[in-house]
Amino acid sequence: MVKSGKRSVLITGASGGVGRGIALACGEAGWNVWIAARRAAEGEAVAKEVTDAGGTGHFVSCDVTDESSVADALATVVATDGKLDGAVHNATSDLSATKHAVLPDFTIGEIRHQMAVSMRGSYLLAHLAYPHLKESRGALLLLTSEAGFEGKAKLPVYASVKAAQRGFGRALAREWGPEGIRVNCLAPLATTPALDVAFVNDPSMKARVMGRNPLGRLGDPMQDIGRAARFLLSEDSAYVTGHTLMADGGSCPVT
């Protein structure tokens, strides 16, 4: 097994939306990029886009809530590239976009699903990627949200899991720092299919979101969010850890 000279990163939930944008930005830098997702057709398409952008794109099947699936995905990356330089947990529950309701309207099953994707997924990726990131002195990046800072009406579960991810990331940054592993979070606001669905499900949401955005626009998943993520995964941020970068056009008043 020969280690690739290119930076090798795995991104969960990268078959669309912000995950796709991060993958394309990493491809733009010439990296090996692994699209870890459940949807094979969409994942393979993004992998081709990564290659077309200048990197080397791969699809690997991955269910972030399943330990063996995450382990197999990471094993595939390391067996192919000889290393893992970065891992990104971007996958989120479909309910984050489709379920906008007050807390009593959520079932325990719906709450468990969001916790499984966001928190169990974060734990599994961190736990299983740890030895590889230790060897490479690499980086872990967790996608959180401004909802985790300030709370959101009708998004009580989503706000909770996103706040938990940020606390988890800060703890790991302190725990893993002596071993050279950096851990950061990124809170994006971007044009995505999930946000489009959310705007449809809550017609007043778009006006609220855009009404407090100083830059007056939603971010582009690749140019605005992907490149910010790439910075946190690269050596350019070698002295940045335990941080949450807000890539939201200045929308969130809490940092």
C-alpha atoms as a PDB file:
ATOM      1  CA  MET A   1       0.000   0.000   0.000  1.00  0.00           C
ATOM      2  CA  VAL A   2       1.508   3.309  -1.146  1.00  0.00           C
ATOM      3  CA  LYS A   3       0.377   6.515   0.480  1.00  0.00           C
ATOM      4  CA  SER A   4      -1.101   9.026  -1.921  1.00  0.00           C
ATOM      5  CA  GLY A   5       0.708  12.344  -2.193  1.00  0.00           C
ATOM      6  CA  LYS A   6      -2.634  14.096  -2.426  1.00  0.00           C
ATOM      7  CA  ARG A   7      -4.647  15.065   0.621  1.00  0.00           C
ATOM      8  CA  SER A   8      -7.351  12.428   1.201  1.00  0.00           C
ATOM      9  CA  VAL A   9     -10.681  13.370   2.773  1.00  0.00           C
ATOM     10  CA  LEU A  10     -13.962  11.601   3.408  1.00  0.00           C
ATOM     11  CA  ILE A  11     -17.208  13.601   3.470  1.00  0.00           C
ATOM     12  CA  THR A  12     -20.463  12.110   4.729  1.00  0.00           C
ATOM     13  CA  GLY A  13     -23.747  13.089   3.119  1.00  0.00           C
ATOM     14  CA  ALA A  14     -21.900  14.517   0.123  1.00  0.00           C
ATOM     15  CA  SER A  15     -24.279  13.326  -2.581  1.00  0.00           C
ATOM     16  CA  GLY A  16     -25.913  16.774  -2.675  1.00  0.00           C
ATOM     17  CA  GLY A  17     -26.247  20.192  -1.058  1.00  0.00           C
ATOM     18  CA  VAL A  18     -23.473  21.535   1.157  1.00  0.00           C
ATOM     19  CA  GLY A  19     -21.680  18.178   1.175  1.00  0.00           C
ATOM     20  CA  ARG A  20     -21.421  18.281  -2.588  1.00  0.00           C
ATOM     21  CA  GLY A  21     -20.102  21.850  -2.374  1.00  0.00           C
ATOM     22  CA  ILE A  22     -17.388  20.803   0.078  1.00  0.00           C
ATOM     23  CA  ALA A  23     -16.453  17.878  -2.159  1.00  0.00           C
ATOM     24  CA  LEU A  24     -16.137  20.114  -5.233  1.00  0.00           C
ATOM     25  CA  ALA A  25     -14.034  22.670  -3.367  1.00  0.00           C
ATOM     26  CA  CYS A  26     -11.681  19.927  -2.213  1.00  0.00           C
ATOM     27  CA  GLY A  27     -11.571  18.591  -5.757  1.00  0.00           C
ATOM     28  CA  GLU A  28     -10.675  22.065  -6.968  1.00  0.00           C
ATOM     29  CA  ALA A  29      -7.547  21.799  -4.794  1.00  0.00           C
ATOM     30  CA  GLY A  30      -6.604  18.493  -6.416  1.00  0.00           C
ATOM     31  CA  TRP A  31      -7.428  16.286  -3.420  1.00  0.00           C
ATOM     32  CA  ASN A  32      -8.636  12.702  -3.227  1.00  0.00           C
ATOM     33  CA  VAL A  33     -12.270  13.105  -2.195  1.00  0.00           C
ATOM     34  CA  TRP A  34     -14.484  10.292  -0.949  1.00  0.00           C
ATOM     35  CA  ILE A  35     -18.230  10.815  -1.250  1.00  0.00           C
ATOM     36  CA  ALA A  36     -19.650   8.771   1.642  1.00  0.00           C
ATOM     37  CA  ALA A  37     -23.402   8.494   1.222  1.00  0.00           C
ATOM     38  CA  ARG A  38     -26.319   6.091   0.899  1.00  0.00           C
ATOM     39  CA  ARG A  39     -27.456   7.206  -2.564  1.00  0.00           C
ATOM     40  CA  ALA A  40     -25.092   5.532  -5.011  1.00  0.00           C
ATOM     41  CA  ALA A  41     -26.247   7.172  -8.247  1.00  0.00           C
ATOM     42  CA  GLU A  42     -26.061  10.680  -6.811  1.00  0.00           C
ATOM     43  CA  GLY A  43     -22.794   9.923  -5.047  1.00  0.00           C
ATOM     44  CA  GLU A  44     -21.146   8.591  -8.185  1.00  0.00           C
ATOM     45  CA  ALA A  45     -22.275  11.700 -10.063  1.00  0.00           C
ATOM     46  CA  VAL A  46     -20.660  13.991  -7.472  1.00  0.00           C
ATOM     47  CA  ALA A  47     -17.487  11.884  -7.559  1.00  0.00           C
ATOM     48  CA  LYS A  48     -17.288  12.507 -11.314  1.00  0.00           C
ATOM     49  CA  GLU A  49     -17.784  16.231 -10.739  1.00  0.00           C
ATOM     50  CA  VAL A  50     -14.905  16.181  -8.271  1.00  0.00           C
ATOM     51  CA  THR A  51     -12.656  14.533 -10.848  1.00  0.00           C
ATOM     52  CA  ASP A  52     -13.756  17.024 -13.495  1.00  0.00           C
ATOM     53  CA  ALA A  53     -12.889  19.836 -11.062  1.00  0.00           C
ATOM     54  CA  GLY A  54      -9.281  18.628 -10.830  1.00  0.00           C
ATOM     55  CA  GLY A  55      -9.338  16.156  -7.953  1.00  0.00           C
ATOM     56  CA  THR A  56      -9.884  12.414  -7.758  1.00  0.00           C
ATOM     57  CA  GLY A  57     -13.436  11.587  -6.790  1.00  0.00           C
ATOM     58  CA  HIS A  58     -14.641   8.297  -5.329  1.00  0.00           C
ATOM     59  CA  PHE A  59     -18.002   7.102  -4.061  1.00  0.00           C
ATOM     60  CA  VAL A  60     -18.204   4.830  -1.037  1.00  0.00           C
ATOM     61  CA  SER A  61     -21.456   3.556   0.432  1.00  0.00           C
ATOM     62  CA  CYS A  62     -21.999   4.749   3.988  1.00  0.00           C
ATOM     63  CA  ASP A  63     -24.842   4.920   6.491  1.00  0.00           C
ATOM     64  CA  VAL A  64     -23.555   7.192   9.246  1.00  0.00           C
ATOM     65  CA  THR A  65     -25.821   5.613  11.856  1.00  0.00           C
ATOM     66  CA  ASP A  66     -24.353   2.135  11.286  1.00  0.00           C
ATOM     67  CA  GLU A  67     -20.989   1.392  12.896  1.00  0.00           C
ATOM     68  CA  SER A  68     -19.958  -1.334  10.466  1.00  0.00           C
ATOM     69  CA  SER A  69     -20.894   0.842   7.493  1.00  0.00           C
ATOM     70  CA  VAL A  70     -18.754   3.742   8.723  1.00  0.00           C
ATOM     71  CA  ALA A  71     -15.885   1.376   9.538  1.00  0.00           C
ATOM     72  CA  ASP A  72     -16.051  -0.205   6.075  1.00  0.00           C
ATOM     73  CA  ALA A  73     -16.080   3.203   4.374  1.00  0.00           C
ATOM     74  CA  LEU A  74     -12.993   4.357   6.272  1.00  0.00           C
ATOM     75  CA  ALA A  75     -11.235   1.058   5.630  1.00  0.00           C
ATOM     76  CA  THR A  76     -11.835   1.508   1.906  1.00  0.00           C
ATOM     77  CA  VAL A  77     -10.290   4.990   1.955  1.00  0.00           C
ATOM     78  CA  VAL A  78      -7.196   3.868   3.835  1.00  0.00           C
ATOM     79  CA  ALA A  79      -6.780   0.710   1.750  1.00  0.00           C
ATOM     80  CA  THR A  80      -6.880   2.781  -1.437  1.00  0.00           C
ATOM     81  CA  ASP A  81      -5.038   5.978  -0.466  1.00  0.00           C
ATOM     82  CA  GLY A  82      -2.892   4.663   2.364  1.00  0.00           C
ATOM     83  CA  LYS A  83      -4.071   7.400   4.725  1.00  0.00           C
ATOM     84  CA  LEU A  84      -6.888   9.676   5.835  1.00  0.00           C
ATOM     85  CA  ASP A  85      -6.072  13.383   6.179  1.00  0.00           C
ATOM     86  CA  GLY A  86      -9.554  14.689   6.898  1.00  0.00           C
ATOM     87  CA  ALA A  87     -13.050  13.540   7.804  1.00  0.00           C
ATOM     88  CA  VAL A  88     -16.174  15.672   7.485  1.00  0.00           C
ATOM     89  CA  HIS A  89     -19.503  14.856   9.097  1.00  0.00           C
ATOM     90  CA  ASN A  90     -22.012  16.694   6.961  1.00  0.00           C
ATOM     91  CA  ALA A  91     -24.884  14.189   6.847  1.00  0.00           C
ATOM     92  CA  THR A  92     -28.081  15.310   8.539  1.00  0.00           C
ATOM     93  CA  SER A  93     -31.548  13.879   9.021  1.00  0.00           C
ATOM     94  CA  ASP A  94     -34.124  14.576   6.319  1.00  0.00           C
ATOM     95  CA  LEU A  95     -36.381  15.720   9.169  1.00  0.00           C
ATOM     96  CA  SER A  96     -34.263  18.832   9.629  1.00  0.00           C
ATOM     97  CA  ALA A  97     -35.820  20.227   6.458  1.00  0.00           C
ATOM     98  CA  THR A  98     -39.237  18.598   6.455  1.00  0.00           C
ATOM     99  CA  LYS A  99     -40.252  18.731  10.125  1.00  0.00           C
ATOM    100  CA  HIS A 100     -40.849  22.258  11.415  1.00  0.00           C
ATOM    101  CA  ALA A 101     -43.056  22.009  14.491  1.00  0.00           C
ATOM    102  CA  VAL A 102     -43.333  22.746  18.188  1.00  0.00           C
ATOM    103  CA  LEU A 103     -41.786  20.163  20.490  1.00  0.00           C
ATOM    104  CA  PRO A 104     -44.999  18.278  21.463  1.00  0.00           C
ATOM    105  CA  ASP A 105     -45.562  17.479  17.788  1.00  0.00           C
ATOM    106  CA  PHE A 106     -42.332  15.468  17.543  1.00  0.00           C
ATOM    107  CA  THR A 107     -42.452  11.743  18.189  1.00  0.00           C
ATOM    108  CA  ILE A 108     -39.713   9.966  20.085  1.00  0.00           C
ATOM    109  CA  GLY A 109     -38.862   8.148  16.869  1.00  0.00           C
ATOM    110  CA  GLU A 110     -38.357  11.424  15.019  1.00  0.00           C
ATOM    111  CA  ILE A 111     -36.173  12.753  17.803  1.00  0.00           C
ATOM    112  CA  ARG A 112     -34.104   9.577  17.851  1.00  0.00           C
ATOM    113  CA  HIS A 113     -33.588   9.759  14.096  1.00  0.00           C
ATOM    114  CA  GLN A 114     -32.146  13.266  14.228  1.00  0.00           C
ATOM    115  CA  MET A 115     -29.968  12.303  17.179  1.00  0.00           C
ATOM    116  CA  ALA A 116     -28.783   9.178  15.368  1.00  0.00           C
ATOM    117  CA  VAL A 117     -27.703  10.981  12.202  1.00  0.00           C
ATOM    118  CA  SER A 118     -26.155  14.046  13.844  1.00  0.00           C
ATOM    119  CA  MET A 119     -24.751  12.784  17.150  1.00  0.00           C
ATOM    120  CA  ARG A 120     -24.348   9.038  16.701  1.00  0.00           C
ATOM    121  CA  GLY A 121     -22.936   9.802  13.252  1.00  0.00           C
ATOM    122  CA  SER A 122     -20.482  12.333  14.697  1.00  0.00           C
ATOM    123  CA  TYR A 123     -19.407   9.883  17.381  1.00  0.00           C
ATOM    124  CA  LEU A 124     -18.939   6.957  14.984  1.00  0.00           C
ATOM    125  CA  LEU A 125     -16.976   8.973  12.449  1.00  0.00           C
ATOM    126  CA  ALA A 126     -14.770  10.521  15.130  1.00  0.00           C
ATOM    127  CA  HIS A 127     -14.209   7.257  16.993  1.00  0.00           C
ATOM    128  CA  LEU A 128     -13.407   5.199  13.904  1.00  0.00           C
ATOM    129  CA  ALA A 129     -11.390   7.871  12.078  1.00  0.00           C
ATOM    130  CA  TYR A 130      -9.305   8.699  15.147  1.00  0.00           C
ATOM    131  CA  PRO A 131      -6.382   6.291  14.609  1.00  0.00           C
ATOM    132  CA  HIS A 132      -6.041   7.353  10.972  1.00  0.00           C
ATOM    133  CA  LEU A 133      -6.233  11.063  11.790  1.00  0.00           C
ATOM    134  CA  LYS A 134      -3.687  10.543  14.563  1.00  0.00           C
ATOM    135  CA  GLU A 135      -1.269   8.980  12.100  1.00  0.00           C
ATOM    136  CA  SER A 136      -1.705  11.777   9.554  1.00  0.00           C
ATOM    137  CA  ARG A 137      -2.074  14.564  12.136  1.00  0.00           C
ATOM    138  CA  GLY A 138      -5.230  15.356  10.255  1.00  0.00           C
ATOM    139  CA  ALA A 139      -8.477  17.222  10.796  1.00  0.00           C
ATOM    140  CA  LEU A 140     -12.059  16.432  11.754  1.00  0.00           C
ATOM    141  CA  LEU A 141     -14.789  18.850  10.677  1.00  0.00           C
ATOM    142  CA  LEU A 142     -18.377  18.755  11.939  1.00  0.00           C
ATOM    143  CA  LEU A 143     -21.148  20.656  10.157  1.00  0.00           C
ATOM    144  CA  THR A 144     -23.278  22.452  12.720  1.00  0.00           C
ATOM    145  CA  SER A 145     -25.736  25.350  12.366  1.00  0.00           C
ATOM    146  CA  GLU A 146     -26.580  28.784  13.694  1.00  0.00           C
ATOM    147  CA  ALA A 147     -29.600  27.011  15.201  1.00  0.00           C
ATOM    148  CA  GLY A 148     -27.164  25.416  17.628  1.00  0.00           C
ATOM    149  CA  PHE A 149     -26.080  28.856  18.846  1.00  0.00           C
ATOM    150  CA  GLU A 150     -29.335  30.742  19.236  1.00  0.00           C
ATOM    151  CA  GLY A 151     -32.098  28.115  19.086  1.00  0.00           C
ATOM    152  CA  LYS A 152     -34.889  28.161  16.541  1.00  0.00           C
ATOM    153  CA  ALA A 153     -38.629  28.170  17.068  1.00  0.00           C
ATOM    154  CA  LYS A 154     -40.167  25.056  15.495  1.00  0.00           C
ATOM    155  CA  LEU A 155     -36.733  23.443  15.227  1.00  0.00           C
ATOM    156  CA  PRO A 156     -36.184  22.309  18.827  1.00  0.00           C
ATOM    157  CA  VAL A 157     -34.630  18.960  17.974  1.00  0.00           C
ATOM    158  CA  TYR A 158     -32.442  20.246  15.158  1.00  0.00           C
ATOM    159  CA  ALA A 159     -31.188  23.116  17.342  1.00  0.00           C
ATOM    160  CA  SER A 160     -30.407  20.657  20.129  1.00  0.00           C
ATOM    161  CA  VAL A 161     -28.389  18.207  18.052  1.00  0.00           C
ATOM    162  CA  LYS A 162     -26.475  20.985  16.325  1.00  0.00           C
ATOM    163  CA  ALA A 163     -25.546  22.521  19.683  1.00  0.00           C
ATOM    164  CA  ALA A 164     -24.469  19.081  20.878  1.00  0.00           C
ATOM    165  CA  GLN A 165     -22.216  18.625  17.858  1.00  0.00           C
ATOM    166  CA  ARG A 166     -20.471  21.898  18.647  1.00  0.00           C
ATOM    167  CA  GLY A 167     -19.857  20.851  22.259  1.00  0.00           C
ATOM    168  CA  PHE A 168     -18.617  17.460  21.093  1.00  0.00           C
ATOM    169  CA  GLY A 169     -16.207  19.102  18.654  1.00  0.00           C
ATOM    170  CA  ARG A 170     -14.801  21.489  21.255  1.00  0.00           C
ATOM    171  CA  ALA A 171     -14.218  18.610  23.669  1.00  0.00           C
ATOM    172  CA  LEU A 172     -12.420  16.550  21.030  1.00  0.00           C
ATOM    173  CA  ALA A 173     -10.272  19.532  20.066  1.00  0.00           C
ATOM    174  CA  ARG A 174      -8.939  19.635  23.622  1.00  0.00           C
ATOM    175  CA  GLU A 175      -8.627  15.859  23.892  1.00  0.00           C
ATOM    176  CA  TRP A 176      -6.931  15.315  20.535  1.00  0.00           C
ATOM    177  CA  GLY A 177      -4.862  18.487  20.271  1.00  0.00           C
ATOM    178  CA  PRO A 178      -1.777  16.977  21.945  1.00  0.00           C
ATOM    179  CA  GLU A 179      -1.803  14.303  19.233  1.00  0.00           C
ATOM    180  CA  GLY A 180      -1.822  16.846  16.436  1.00  0.00           C
ATOM    181  CA  ILE A 181      -5.444  16.350  15.388  1.00  0.00           C
ATOM    182  CA  ARG A 182      -7.479  19.486  14.807  1.00  0.00           C
ATOM    183  CA  VAL A 183     -11.255  19.496  15.317  1.00  0.00           C
ATOM    184  CA  ASN A 184     -13.462  22.341  14.135  1.00  0.00           C
ATOM    185  CA  CYS A 185     -17.073  23.046  13.254  1.00  0.00           C
ATOM    186  CA  LEU A 186     -18.613  24.955  10.366  1.00  0.00           C
ATOM    187  CA  ALA A 187     -22.033  26.621  10.512  1.00  0.00           C
ATOM    188  CA  PRO A 188     -23.200  27.337   6.956  1.00  0.00           C
ATOM    189  CA  LEU A 189     -26.121  29.127   5.370  1.00  0.00           C
ATOM    190  CA  ALA A 190     -26.383  28.166   1.722  1.00  0.00           C
ATOM    191  CA  THR A 191     -28.716  27.523  -1.161  1.00  0.00           C
ATOM    192  CA  THR A 192     -29.523  23.813  -0.928  1.00  0.00           C
ATOM    193  CA  PRO A 193     -32.423  21.508  -1.791  1.00  0.00           C
ATOM    194  CA  ALA A 194     -33.020  21.020   1.949  1.00  0.00           C
ATOM    195  CA  LEU A 195     -33.362  24.760   2.535  1.00  0.00           C
ATOM    196  CA  ASP A 196     -35.674  25.061  -0.461  1.00  0.00           C
ATOM    197  CA  VAL A 197     -37.907  22.413   1.132  1.00  0.00           C
ATOM    198  CA  ALA A 198     -37.770  24.228   4.467  1.00  0.00           C
ATOM    199  CA  PHE A 199     -38.891  27.473   2.809  1.00  0.00           C
ATOM    200  CA  VAL A 200     -41.842  25.661   1.247  1.00  0.00           C
ATOM    201  CA  ASN A 201     -42.833  24.019   4.532  1.00  0.00           C
ATOM    202  CA  ASP A 202     -42.565  27.309   6.453  1.00  0.00           C
ATOM    203  CA  PRO A 203     -43.567  30.133   4.052  1.00  0.00           C
ATOM    204  CA  SER A 204     -42.500  32.859   6.494  1.00  0.00           C
ATOM    205  CA  MET A 205     -39.029  31.402   6.948  1.00  0.00           C
ATOM    206  CA  LYS A 206     -37.436  32.874   3.817  1.00  0.00           C
ATOM    207  CA  ALA A 207     -38.379  36.426   4.795  1.00  0.00           C
ATOM    208  CA  ARG A 208     -36.966  35.870   8.291  1.00  0.00           C
ATOM    209  CA  VAL A 209     -33.718  34.395   6.987  1.00  0.00           C
ATOM    210  CA  MET A 210     -33.069  37.002   4.323  1.00  0.00           C
ATOM    211  CA  GLY A 211     -34.271  39.884   6.460  1.00  0.00           C
ATOM    212  CA  ARG A 212     -31.326  39.594   8.836  1.00  0.00           C
ATOM    213  CA  ASN A 213     -28.571  38.744   6.351  1.00  0.00           C
ATOM    214  CA  PRO A 214     -26.177  41.711   5.956  1.00  0.00           C
ATOM    215  CA  LEU A 215     -24.801  40.382   2.665  1.00  0.00           C
ATOM    216  CA  GLY A 216     -28.313  39.947   1.311  1.00  0.00           C
ATOM    217  CA  ARG A 217     -27.829  36.526  -0.234  1.00  0.00           C
ATOM    218  CA  LEU A 218     -27.580  32.842   0.544  1.00  0.00           C
ATOM    219  CA  GLY A 219     -24.170  31.235   0.245  1.00  0.00           C
ATOM    220  CA  ASP A 220     -23.036  29.162  -2.681  1.00  0.00           C
ATOM    221  CA  PRO A 221     -22.397  25.576  -1.504  1.00  0.00           C
ATOM    222  CA  MET A 222     -19.047  25.330  -3.253  1.00  0.00           C
ATOM    223  CA  GLN A 223     -17.628  28.840  -3.461  1.00  0.00           C
ATOM    224  CA  ASP A 224     -18.785  30.144  -0.083  1.00  0.00           C
ATOM    225  CA  ILE A 225     -19.147  27.034   2.082  1.00  0.00           C
ATOM    226  CA  GLY A 226     -16.926  24.478   0.378  1.00  0.00           C
ATOM    227  CA  ARG A 227     -13.871  26.708   0.321  1.00  0.00           C
ATOM    228  CA  ALA A 228     -14.371  27.618   3.984  1.00  0.00           C
ATOM    229  CA  ALA A 229     -14.513  23.905   4.806  1.00  0.00           C
ATOM    230  CA  ARG A 230     -11.421  23.271   2.699  1.00  0.00           C
ATOM    231  CA  PHE A 231      -9.548  25.913   4.708  1.00  0.00           C
ATOM    232  CA  LEU A 232     -10.422  24.138   7.966  1.00  0.00           C
ATOM    233  CA  LEU A 233      -9.257  20.815   6.513  1.00  0.00           C
ATOM    234  CA  SER A 234      -6.021  22.174   5.075  1.00  0.00           C
ATOM    235  CA  GLU A 235      -2.638  23.106   6.497  1.00  0.00           C
ATOM    236  CA  ASP A 236      -3.618  26.749   6.040  1.00  0.00           C
ATOM    237  CA  SER A 237      -5.561  26.374   9.307  1.00  0.00           C
ATOM    238  CA  ALA A 238      -2.838  24.441  11.106  1.00  0.00           C
ATOM    239  CA  TYR A 239      -3.225  26.608  14.238  1.00  0.00           C
ATOM    240  CA  VAL A 240      -7.034  26.603  14.312  1.00  0.00           C
ATOM    241  CA  THR A 241      -8.857  24.080  16.478  1.00  0.00           C
ATOM    242  CA  GLY A 242     -11.923  24.030  18.731  1.00  0.00           C
ATOM    243  CA  HIS A 243     -13.432  26.775  16.581  1.00  0.00           C
ATOM    244  CA  THR A 244     -16.824  27.142  14.893  1.00  0.00           C
ATOM    245  CA  LEU A 245     -16.601  29.165  11.703  1.00  0.00           C
ATOM    246  CA  MET A 246     -19.831  30.962  10.819  1.00  0.00           C
ATOM    247  CA  ALA A 247     -20.197  30.974   7.020  1.00  0.00           C
ATOM    248  CA  ASP A 248     -23.641  32.555   7.022  1.00  0.00           C
ATOM    249  CA  GLY A 249     -23.281  36.016   5.522  1.00  0.00           C
ATOM    250  CA  GLY A 250     -23.318  37.537   9.001  1.00  0.00           C
ATOM    251  CA  SER A 251     -26.828  36.288   9.766  1.00  0.00           C
ATOM    252  CA  CYS A 252     -26.334  34.882  13.238  1.00  0.00           C
ATOM    253  CA  PRO A 253     -25.960  37.503  16.000  1.00  0.00           C
ATOM    254  CA  VAL A 254     -24.526  34.923  18.409  1.00  0.00           C
ATOM    255  CA  THR A 255     -20.980  33.633  17.970  1.00  0.00           C
END
